[in-house]
Amino acid sequence: MTSKPFGLYCPTSKASEVLMPRWTIQILGELWEGSTRFNEIRRGLPGISPTLLTKRLKEMQENGLLERFEDPATGTIDYIRTEKAVELDPILQSMARWAQRHIEAEIALEERDADVLMWNLRRKIIVDKLPKRRNVLRFNFPDAKPPLSTFWMITKPGEPVEVCVHDPGFDVDLFVETEVPILTGIYLGRLNLERECVDGRFFMSGDSRLTKTVSRWLQLSSHSHVDGILTVPR
């Protein structure tokens, strides 16, 4: 523990001393989502510097929140949550549900990072619900700054979803045009996909099998159906 203690005896304060250093909870969130490699965690948390991430990972090891595993054959390093960290899951999920119910949608959608959004969405593509072939999905965000304004997702049966920021050279099966906060709001359940399509804020064209089944193959956030969620007024 490197942060200055509060000097209080209550258990909540002691827990805060371990979890309050900036980015600690966000790193736990990335590990919960399935990231295990240093670069994967950084891709999901672009605001953290490599130096600070290294420091936080070391502190979290010392506090028993994660273990570091190195493959001697390949040199690859994976960071895995311990049972001590897993025990925090209900608490962190409750915090997320609280935010969905009590933080205004406009504030929740202020952050506009298309790269982070696409990195998260790649985990939510249900490949088995797509045509049994290679599918190329092109997302364009007019409100994002180039070169991180256009992305390609490539799916293949039995393989992880790829995200590219450069044209992979394949024919595109589905074109999506929208703004970052719109797709973020849909993903978080703050906006309704059908309503945004009807109002022209979320536009799709291409293979009709993909446009008509988007709600089947694009899984929303696990917090998108929280009771009492605050939505964007339309």
Protein backbone atom coordinates (compact mmCIF):
# COMPACT_ATOMS: atom_id res chain seq x y z
CA MET A 1 0.00 0.00 0.00
CA THR A 2 1.64 3.22 -1.19
CA SER A 3 -1.13 5.76 -0.57
CA LYS A 4 -1.17 7.72 2.70
CA PRO A 5 -3.46 6.01 5.25
CA PHE A 6 -6.54 7.90 6.43
CA GLY A 7 -5.62 7.26 10.05
CA LEU A 8 -9.05 5.76 10.72
CA TYR A 9 -9.92 2.38 12.15
CA CYS A 10 -13.22 1.71 10.30
CA PRO A 11 -13.04 -1.19 7.81
CA THR A 12 -14.44 0.94 4.97
CA SER A 13 -11.53 3.34 5.31
CA LYS A 14 -9.05 0.46 5.33
CA ALA A 15 -10.63 -0.95 2.16
CA SER A 16 -10.42 2.50 0.56
CA GLU A 17 -6.70 2.69 1.29
CA VAL A 18 -6.19 -0.41 -0.87
CA LEU A 19 -8.68 0.45 -3.63
CA MET A 20 -8.51 4.25 -3.86
CA PRO A 21 -5.20 4.75 -5.76
CA ARG A 22 -6.23 6.11 -9.16
CA TRP A 23 -6.94 3.42 -11.81
CA THR A 24 -6.99 0.50 -9.36
CA ILE A 25 -10.73 -0.11 -9.72
CA GLN A 26 -10.57 0.44 -13.49
CA ILE A 27 -7.78 -2.14 -13.78
CA LEU A 28 -9.91 -4.60 -11.81
CA GLY A 29 -12.71 -3.88 -14.28
CA GLU A 30 -10.50 -4.67 -17.27
CA LEU A 31 -9.37 -7.91 -15.64
CA TRP A 32 -13.02 -8.76 -14.95
CA GLU A 33 -13.78 -8.19 -18.65
CA GLY A 34 -11.10 -10.70 -19.63
CA SER A 35 -7.96 -8.66 -20.30
CA THR A 36 -4.85 -10.35 -18.89
CA ARG A 37 -1.93 -8.85 -20.82
CA PHE A 38 -0.30 -5.48 -20.15
CA ASN A 39 -1.12 -4.10 -23.62
CA GLU A 40 -4.71 -5.35 -23.42
CA ILE A 41 -5.23 -3.50 -20.16
CA ARG A 42 -3.65 -0.35 -21.61
CA ARG A 43 -5.86 -0.54 -24.70
CA GLY A 44 -8.92 -0.57 -22.47
CA LEU A 45 -7.56 2.25 -20.27
CA PRO A 46 -5.83 4.67 -22.66
CA GLY A 47 -5.64 7.42 -20.03
CA ILE A 48 -3.10 5.55 -17.92
CA SER A 49 0.61 5.80 -18.76
CA PRO A 50 2.74 2.64 -19.08
CA THR A 51 4.78 3.73 -16.06
CA LEU A 52 1.72 4.21 -13.84
CA LEU A 53 0.14 0.96 -15.03
CA THR A 54 3.32 -0.92 -14.16
CA LYS A 55 3.28 0.69 -10.72
CA ARG A 56 -0.37 -0.10 -10.09
CA LEU A 57 -0.03 -3.72 -11.19
CA LYS A 58 2.89 -4.14 -8.80
CA GLU A 59 0.93 -2.57 -5.93
CA MET A 60 -2.05 -4.80 -6.67
CA GLN A 61 0.21 -7.84 -6.54
CA GLU A 62 1.56 -6.70 -3.19
CA ASN A 63 -2.00 -6.22 -1.91
CA GLY A 64 -2.97 -9.70 -3.04
CA LEU A 65 -5.43 -8.56 -5.71
CA LEU A 66 -3.72 -10.24 -8.64
CA GLU A 67 -1.03 -12.74 -9.55
CA ARG A 68 1.58 -12.39 -12.26
CA PHE A 69 2.26 -15.45 -14.40
CA GLU A 70 5.13 -15.60 -16.88
CA ASP A 71 5.39 -18.30 -19.55
CA PRO A 72 9.09 -19.24 -19.64
CA ALA A 73 8.72 -20.65 -23.15
CA THR A 74 7.29 -17.50 -24.74
CA GLY A 75 8.07 -14.79 -22.19
CA THR A 76 4.45 -13.67 -22.17
CA ILE A 77 3.07 -12.32 -18.90
CA ASP A 78 -0.52 -12.61 -17.72
CA TYR A 79 -2.14 -10.85 -14.78
CA ILE A 80 -4.90 -12.88 -13.15
CA ARG A 81 -7.25 -11.78 -10.37
CA THR A 82 -6.99 -13.61 -7.08
CA GLU A 83 -9.96 -14.86 -5.06
CA LYS A 84 -9.44 -11.80 -2.89
CA ALA A 85 -10.14 -9.60 -5.93
CA VAL A 86 -13.01 -11.76 -7.19
CA GLU A 87 -14.71 -11.24 -3.83
CA LEU A 88 -15.04 -7.56 -4.79
CA ASP A 89 -17.20 -8.34 -7.85
CA PRO A 90 -20.60 -7.86 -6.15
CA ILE A 91 -19.41 -4.53 -4.71
CA LEU A 92 -18.14 -3.22 -8.06
CA GLN A 93 -21.28 -4.41 -9.83
CA SER A 94 -23.40 -2.62 -7.25
CA MET A 95 -21.42 0.57 -7.87
CA ALA A 96 -22.09 0.25 -11.60
CA ARG A 97 -25.82 -0.25 -11.03
CA TRP A 98 -25.86 2.76 -8.70
CA ALA A 99 -24.22 4.87 -11.42
CA GLN A 100 -26.77 3.73 -14.00
CA ARG A 101 -29.62 4.80 -11.69
CA HIS A 102 -28.23 8.01 -10.22
CA ILE A 103 -25.77 9.63 -12.65
CA GLU A 104 -27.49 11.63 -15.37
CA ALA A 105 -27.14 10.11 -18.84
CA GLU A 106 -25.66 13.30 -20.31
CA ILE A 107 -22.85 13.16 -17.74
CA ALA A 108 -22.33 9.42 -18.17
CA LEU A 109 -21.91 9.86 -21.93
CA GLU A 110 -19.56 12.86 -21.80
CA GLU A 111 -16.45 10.80 -22.50
CA ARG A 112 -15.94 10.47 -26.26
CA ASP A 113 -13.29 7.87 -26.99
CA ALA A 114 -14.17 5.81 -30.04
CA ASP A 115 -11.18 3.50 -29.57
CA VAL A 116 -12.22 2.50 -26.04
CA LEU A 117 -15.80 2.01 -27.19
CA MET A 118 -14.77 -0.31 -30.03
CA TRP A 119 -12.36 -2.21 -27.78
CA ASN A 120 -15.25 -2.91 -25.43
CA LEU A 121 -17.75 -3.71 -28.17
CA ARG A 122 -15.50 -6.37 -29.67
CA ARG A 123 -16.23 -8.48 -26.57
CA LYS A 124 -19.97 -8.10 -27.13
CA ILE A 125 -20.16 -9.45 -30.67
CA ILE A 126 -21.85 -12.86 -30.55
CA VAL A 127 -20.09 -14.54 -33.46
CA ASP A 128 -22.39 -17.57 -33.38
CA LYS A 129 -25.33 -15.28 -34.23
CA LEU A 130 -23.63 -14.00 -37.39
CA PRO A 131 -23.51 -15.70 -40.81
CA LYS A 132 -21.06 -18.63 -40.73
CA ARG A 133 -18.34 -16.87 -42.70
CA ARG A 134 -16.02 -13.91 -42.43
CA ASN A 135 -18.01 -10.77 -41.63
CA VAL A 136 -16.56 -7.28 -41.98
CA LEU A 137 -18.29 -4.48 -40.06
CA ARG A 138 -17.23 -0.87 -40.69
CA PHE A 139 -18.00 1.76 -38.05
CA ASN A 140 -17.59 5.46 -38.82
CA PHE A 141 -17.87 8.19 -36.17
CA PRO A 142 -18.10 11.71 -37.69
CA ASP A 143 -17.56 13.28 -34.26
CA ALA A 144 -14.27 11.43 -33.59
CA LYS A 145 -10.86 12.70 -34.62
CA PRO A 146 -9.07 10.84 -37.44
CA PRO A 147 -7.40 8.41 -37.64
CA LEU A 148 -9.49 6.97 -34.77
CA SER A 149 -12.82 7.78 -36.41
CA THR A 150 -13.23 4.70 -38.62
CA PHE A 151 -12.90 1.11 -37.42
CA TRP A 152 -13.30 -2.31 -38.98
CA MET A 153 -14.43 -5.35 -37.01
CA ILE A 154 -13.67 -8.72 -38.54
CA THR A 155 -15.39 -11.85 -37.31
CA LYS A 156 -14.80 -15.48 -38.22
CA PRO A 157 -16.42 -18.59 -36.75
CA GLY A 158 -14.41 -19.90 -33.80
CA GLU A 159 -11.97 -16.97 -33.75
CA PRO A 160 -11.68 -13.83 -31.58
CA VAL A 161 -13.14 -10.64 -33.04
CA GLU A 162 -10.50 -8.37 -34.59
CA VAL A 163 -10.61 -4.57 -34.47
CA CYS A 164 -8.64 -2.62 -37.10
CA VAL A 165 -8.05 1.09 -37.51
CA HIS A 166 -6.74 0.58 -41.05
CA ASP A 167 -8.73 -0.78 -43.97
CA PRO A 168 -8.08 -4.56 -43.99
CA GLY A 169 -8.87 -4.70 -47.70
CA PHE A 170 -11.96 -6.93 -47.47
CA ASP A 171 -15.41 -6.19 -48.83
CA VAL A 172 -17.56 -4.63 -46.11
CA ASP A 173 -20.74 -6.48 -45.14
CA LEU A 174 -22.17 -3.83 -42.83
CA PHE A 175 -21.66 -0.06 -42.69
CA VAL A 176 -22.52 1.74 -39.45
CA GLU A 177 -22.54 5.54 -39.17
CA THR A 178 -23.23 7.23 -35.85
CA GLU A 179 -21.66 9.42 -33.17
CA VAL A 180 -19.62 8.04 -30.29
CA PRO A 181 -22.09 9.07 -27.52
CA ILE A 182 -24.99 7.53 -29.47
CA LEU A 183 -23.41 4.08 -29.75
CA THR A 184 -22.08 4.37 -26.19
CA GLY A 185 -25.58 5.23 -24.98
CA ILE A 186 -27.06 2.26 -26.83
CA TYR A 187 -24.38 -0.04 -25.41
CA LEU A 188 -25.04 1.18 -21.87
CA GLY A 189 -28.81 1.05 -22.20
CA ARG A 190 -29.15 4.83 -21.92
CA LEU A 191 -30.54 5.03 -25.47
CA ASN A 192 -32.84 2.77 -27.46
CA LEU A 193 -31.37 1.30 -30.66
CA GLU A 194 -34.65 1.21 -32.57
CA ARG A 195 -35.45 4.82 -31.65
CA GLU A 196 -32.01 6.04 -32.71
CA CYS A 197 -32.35 4.22 -36.05
CA VAL A 198 -35.80 5.72 -36.71
CA ASP A 199 -34.58 9.22 -35.80
CA GLY A 200 -31.54 8.88 -38.09
CA ARG A 201 -28.88 9.08 -35.40
CA PHE A 202 -27.79 5.47 -35.95
CA PHE A 203 -27.54 4.46 -39.60
CA MET A 204 -26.84 0.99 -40.99
CA SER A 205 -26.54 -0.27 -44.55
CA GLY A 206 -25.35 -3.48 -46.15
CA ASP A 207 -26.25 -7.14 -45.70
CA SER A 208 -29.90 -7.23 -44.59
CA ARG A 209 -29.19 -10.32 -42.49
CA LEU A 210 -26.92 -8.17 -40.35
CA THR A 211 -29.05 -5.02 -40.21
CA LYS A 212 -32.20 -6.93 -39.25
CA THR A 213 -30.54 -9.05 -36.55
CA VAL A 214 -28.22 -6.50 -34.93
CA SER A 215 -30.01 -6.83 -31.58
CA ARG A 216 -29.18 -10.55 -31.62
CA TRP A 217 -25.48 -10.44 -32.43
CA LEU A 218 -24.58 -7.17 -30.64
CA GLN A 219 -24.80 -7.81 -26.91
CA LEU A 220 -25.24 -4.76 -24.71
CA SER A 221 -23.51 -3.99 -21.42
CA SER A 222 -24.41 -6.25 -18.51
CA HIS A 223 -25.75 -3.08 -16.81
CA SER A 224 -27.96 -1.98 -19.71
CA HIS A 225 -31.16 -3.37 -18.13
CA VAL A 226 -30.76 -1.98 -14.62
CA ASP A 227 -34.08 -1.06 -13.04
CA GLY A 228 -34.51 2.70 -12.83
CA ILE A 229 -31.74 3.47 -15.34
CA LEU A 230 -31.55 7.15 -16.31
CA THR A 231 -31.95 7.50 -20.07
CA VAL A 232 -31.26 10.37 -22.45
CA PRO A 233 -34.44 12.46 -22.87
CA ARG A 234 -35.61 12.60 -26.50
